[in-house]
Amino acid sequence: MLLARAGHNVLVVDRVEFPSDTWSTHFITAPGTSLLKRWGVLDPLLAKGVPLFDRVNLITPTMEMSSADLLGPAFVVSPRRTDLDLTLVEQAIAAGAEVRTNVTVTELMHDASGRVTGVTLRDAEGNMSEERGDRKGGGAGEGVG
């Protein structure tokens, strides 16, 4: 998403299809939530009904602690992976990235210096394809990363 917003050609591949639910984090910490806001991802998450909290309480048999007591009120978000992943994919596509799911990277292609220049992919039907990075922009980091 961020690379596409910066004008790079971006191909995102993943073995699964989004959204897919998986156990993950219980919440995204305040710094992470701040990044989501800066990137324009927080509002779309909240629009999906994702809860936003100003504190997280930890209660064990021997202690009780609140993040607000340690850090002051700092917002954290608690998205399900279905909401987070789908929102990130939507934002990446809106930024101009191409997203392919149900695709597995089977091999990295290298140039003579060892730099990765492309990938070999296999889709869900077993079809193979190659994607090569494009260095037209000439900037470091362009191509496959």
Protein backbone atom coordinates (compact mmCIF):
# COMPACT_ATOMS: atom_id res chain seq x y z
CA MET A 1 0.00 0.00 0.00
CA LEU A 2 2.67 2.49 1.01
CA LEU A 3 4.95 1.61 -1.91
CA ALA A 4 2.06 1.93 -4.37
CA ARG A 5 1.16 5.31 -2.87
CA ALA A 6 4.78 6.36 -3.42
CA GLY A 7 4.41 5.58 -7.13
CA HIS A 8 6.04 2.16 -7.28
CA ASN A 9 4.63 -0.74 -9.28
CA VAL A 10 3.56 -3.25 -6.66
CA LEU A 11 2.43 -6.86 -6.95
CA VAL A 12 1.19 -8.47 -3.73
CA VAL A 13 0.83 -12.25 -3.70
CA ASP A 14 -0.50 -14.45 -0.93
CA ARG A 15 -1.18 -18.17 -0.61
CA VAL A 16 -4.63 -17.55 0.89
CA GLU A 17 -7.65 -15.58 -0.22
CA PHE A 18 -8.77 -12.56 1.78
CA PRO A 19 -10.49 -12.17 4.01
CA SER A 20 -9.57 -15.24 6.00
CA ASP A 21 -10.04 -15.48 9.72
CA THR A 22 -7.15 -16.63 11.87
CA TRP A 23 -6.22 -16.17 15.50
CA SER A 24 -3.85 -13.29 15.79
CA THR A 25 -3.39 -10.37 18.11
CA HIS A 26 -6.03 -9.23 20.58
CA PHE A 27 -5.36 -5.59 19.80
CA ILE A 28 -2.96 -3.32 17.96
CA THR A 29 -0.88 -1.22 20.33
CA ALA A 30 -1.14 2.57 20.45
CA PRO A 31 1.89 3.15 18.18
CA GLY A 32 0.46 0.68 15.66
CA THR A 33 -2.97 2.31 15.82
CA SER A 34 -1.31 5.70 15.25
CA LEU A 35 0.35 4.32 12.12
CA LEU A 36 -2.97 2.98 10.86
CA LYS A 37 -4.42 6.46 11.34
CA ARG A 38 -1.47 8.15 9.57
CA TRP A 39 -1.82 5.72 6.64
CA GLY A 40 -5.57 6.38 6.31
CA VAL A 41 -6.49 2.85 7.34
CA LEU A 42 -8.03 3.52 10.76
CA ASP A 43 -11.22 5.21 9.53
CA PRO A 44 -12.07 2.38 7.09
CA LEU A 45 -11.52 -0.11 9.94
CA LEU A 46 -13.78 1.86 12.28
CA ALA A 47 -16.40 2.04 9.51
CA LYS A 48 -16.44 -1.78 9.56
CA GLY A 49 -17.38 -1.64 13.25
CA VAL A 50 -13.93 -2.41 14.64
CA PRO A 51 -13.77 -1.31 18.30
CA LEU A 52 -11.44 1.49 19.42
CA PHE A 53 -10.36 1.65 23.07
CA ASP A 54 -8.49 4.23 25.11
CA ARG A 55 -7.02 1.61 27.45
CA VAL A 56 -6.32 -2.08 27.83
CA ASN A 57 -6.65 -3.69 31.26
CA LEU A 58 -4.59 -6.71 32.26
CA ILE A 59 -5.97 -8.65 35.20
CA THR A 60 -4.22 -11.68 36.65
CA PRO A 61 -4.69 -13.45 40.00
CA THR A 62 -1.83 -11.39 41.46
CA MET A 63 -2.13 -7.98 39.79
CA GLU A 64 -4.23 -5.56 37.84
CA MET A 65 -2.76 -3.06 35.40
CA SER A 66 -4.14 -0.58 32.88
CA SER A 67 -2.28 0.70 29.85
CA ALA A 68 -3.70 4.15 30.62
CA ASP A 69 -1.94 4.09 34.01
CA LEU A 70 1.38 3.38 32.29
CA LEU A 71 1.06 5.39 29.09
CA GLY A 72 -1.86 7.74 29.62
CA PRO A 73 -4.89 7.44 27.39
CA ALA A 74 -3.68 6.16 24.04
CA PHE A 75 -6.04 4.64 21.53
CA VAL A 76 -5.75 1.01 20.52
CA VAL A 77 -7.83 -0.82 17.96
CA SER A 78 -9.01 -4.41 18.16
CA PRO A 79 -9.77 -5.68 14.65
CA ARG A 80 -10.55 -9.22 13.64
CA ARG A 81 -8.12 -10.40 10.99
CA THR A 82 -10.99 -10.53 8.50
CA ASP A 83 -11.48 -6.78 8.90
CA LEU A 84 -7.79 -5.84 9.12
CA ASP A 85 -6.62 -7.94 6.17
CA LEU A 86 -9.53 -6.96 3.94
CA THR A 87 -9.05 -3.26 4.73
CA LEU A 88 -5.31 -3.43 4.00
CA VAL A 89 -5.99 -5.23 0.70
CA GLU A 90 -8.65 -2.66 -0.24
CA GLN A 91 -6.29 0.21 0.56
CA ALA A 92 -3.43 -1.39 -1.40
CA ILE A 93 -5.66 -1.84 -4.46
CA ALA A 94 -6.96 1.73 -4.13
CA ALA A 95 -3.33 2.90 -4.08
CA GLY A 96 -2.63 1.06 -7.34
CA ALA A 97 -1.15 -2.23 -6.17
CA GLU A 98 -2.09 -5.43 -7.93
CA VAL A 99 -3.17 -8.11 -5.45
CA ARG A 100 -3.27 -11.81 -6.32
CA THR A 101 -4.49 -14.37 -3.82
CA ASN A 102 -4.33 -18.16 -3.89
CA VAL A 103 -0.85 -17.81 -5.42
CA THR A 104 2.36 -19.32 -4.09
CA VAL A 105 5.88 -18.05 -4.73
CA THR A 106 7.85 -21.13 -5.78
CA GLU A 107 11.16 -19.56 -6.73
CA LEU A 108 13.07 -16.29 -6.63
CA MET A 109 14.85 -15.16 -9.80
CA HIS A 110 18.22 -13.39 -9.45
CA ASP A 111 20.44 -11.32 -11.71
CA ALA A 112 24.19 -11.91 -12.06
CA SER A 113 24.91 -9.90 -8.90
CA GLY A 114 22.47 -11.96 -6.83
CA ARG A 115 19.77 -9.27 -6.66
CA VAL A 116 16.23 -10.66 -6.71
CA THR A 117 14.64 -9.59 -10.00
CA GLY A 118 11.48 -11.65 -10.11
CA VAL A 119 9.47 -14.59 -8.86
CA THR A 120 8.00 -17.79 -10.20
CA LEU A 121 4.39 -18.23 -9.13
CA ARG A 122 1.94 -21.13 -8.96
CA ASP A 123 -1.80 -20.41 -8.80
CA ALA A 124 -4.48 -22.59 -7.17
CA GLU A 125 -5.01 -24.51 -10.43
CA GLY A 126 -1.30 -25.32 -10.68
CA ASN A 127 -0.57 -22.86 -13.50
CA MET A 128 2.95 -21.44 -13.38
CA SER A 129 3.93 -17.89 -14.29
CA GLU A 130 6.87 -15.54 -13.91
CA GLU A 131 6.79 -11.94 -12.75
CA ARG A 132 9.86 -9.75 -13.11
CA GLY A 133 10.63 -6.50 -11.34
CA ASP A 134 10.77 -3.31 -13.38
CA ARG A 135 13.65 -0.90 -12.83
CA LYS A 136 12.30 1.83 -15.14
CA GLY A 137 12.18 4.28 -12.26
CA GLY A 138 15.82 3.58 -11.45
CA GLY A 139 15.32 3.98 -7.71
CA ALA A 140 16.84 1.67 -5.16
CA GLY A 141 14.39 -0.88 -3.90
CA GLU A 142 12.26 -0.94 -7.01
CA GLY A 143 11.47 -4.26 -8.52
CA VAL A 144 10.72 -7.32 -6.47
CA GLY A 145 11.20 -7.01 -2.77
